[in-house]
Amino acid sequence: MCLAVPLKIVSVDGKRAVGEAAGLSQTIRVDFIPDIQPGDYVMVHAGFAIQKLTQQQAEENLACIQEAIDAL
């Protein structure tokens, strides 16, 4: 099963960016998202940002993921 995870963009360098969530950071590709800026939220799948999100959307997604983890 594959899971897309919302990350907040911390820095951008060309087609690469660093995103973070829950204190963890990851280098990702942002080829598919035009005009990405630090502070933006994106949905990441397989190391690629695939969709821009609002902060509210990202927080709701992260809360759902945390709820699933807590249920285990």
Protein backbone atom coordinates (compact mmCIF):
# COMPACT_ATOMS: atom_id res chain seq x y z
CA MET A 1 0.00 0.00 0.00
CA CYS A 2 1.26 3.47 -0.85
CA LEU A 3 0.55 6.55 1.19
CA ALA A 4 0.85 10.22 0.28
CA VAL A 5 1.87 12.46 3.17
CA PRO A 6 1.48 16.23 3.57
CA LEU A 7 4.70 18.17 4.20
CA LYS A 8 5.44 21.84 4.79
CA ILE A 9 8.10 23.21 2.45
CA VAL A 10 11.12 24.50 4.36
CA SER A 11 13.44 25.36 1.47
CA VAL A 12 13.50 25.17 -2.32
CA ASP A 13 16.50 24.65 -4.61
CA GLY A 14 15.46 24.34 -8.24
CA LYS A 15 13.40 21.16 -8.67
CA ARG A 16 14.29 19.91 -5.18
CA ALA A 17 12.89 21.03 -1.86
CA VAL A 18 13.04 20.09 1.78
CA GLY A 19 9.70 19.38 3.41
CA GLU A 20 8.93 18.61 7.04
CA ALA A 21 6.19 17.16 9.19
CA ALA A 22 6.20 16.02 12.81
CA GLY A 23 9.82 17.11 13.23
CA LEU A 24 11.10 14.94 10.37
CA SER A 25 12.44 16.39 7.14
CA GLN A 26 12.77 14.89 3.67
CA THR A 27 14.26 16.04 0.39
CA ILE A 28 11.60 15.84 -2.30
CA ARG A 29 11.15 16.69 -5.98
CA VAL A 30 8.80 19.54 -6.87
CA ASP A 31 8.77 19.20 -10.67
CA PHE A 32 4.95 19.08 -10.82
CA ILE A 33 4.23 22.10 -8.61
CA PRO A 34 4.84 25.52 -10.21
CA ASP A 35 5.91 28.48 -8.06
CA ILE A 36 6.51 26.44 -4.89
CA GLN A 37 7.69 28.57 -1.95
CA PRO A 38 8.87 27.92 1.62
CA GLY A 39 5.80 27.77 3.84
CA ASP A 40 3.64 26.05 1.21
CA TYR A 41 2.09 22.67 2.01
CA VAL A 42 2.24 19.82 -0.48
CA MET A 43 1.06 16.22 -0.70
CA VAL A 44 4.09 13.97 -1.27
CA HIS A 45 4.01 10.51 -2.84
CA ALA A 46 7.12 8.45 -3.65
CA GLY A 47 9.36 11.48 -3.11
CA PHE A 48 7.42 13.80 -5.43
CA ALA A 49 5.15 16.69 -4.47
CA ILE A 50 1.96 15.90 -6.36
CA GLN A 51 -0.47 18.55 -5.12
CA LYS A 52 -0.44 21.86 -3.27
CA LEU A 53 -2.57 21.98 -0.10
CA THR A 54 -3.86 24.66 2.20
CA GLN A 55 -2.57 24.61 5.76
CA GLN A 56 -6.00 23.40 6.93
CA GLN A 57 -6.01 20.52 4.43
CA ALA A 58 -2.50 19.48 5.49
CA GLU A 59 -3.38 19.59 9.20
CA GLU A 60 -6.55 17.54 8.63
CA ASN A 61 -4.58 14.92 6.68
CA LEU A 62 -1.88 14.73 9.34
CA ALA A 63 -4.52 14.37 12.06
CA CYS A 64 -6.09 11.44 10.18
CA ILE A 65 -2.70 9.76 9.81
CA GLN A 66 -2.01 10.24 13.53
CA GLU A 67 -5.43 8.83 14.38
CA ALA A 68 -4.66 5.69 12.35
CA ILE A 69 -1.27 5.31 14.06
CA ASP A 70 -2.86 5.73 17.50
CA ALA A 71 -5.45 3.07 16.66
CA LEU A 72 -2.69 0.51 16.15
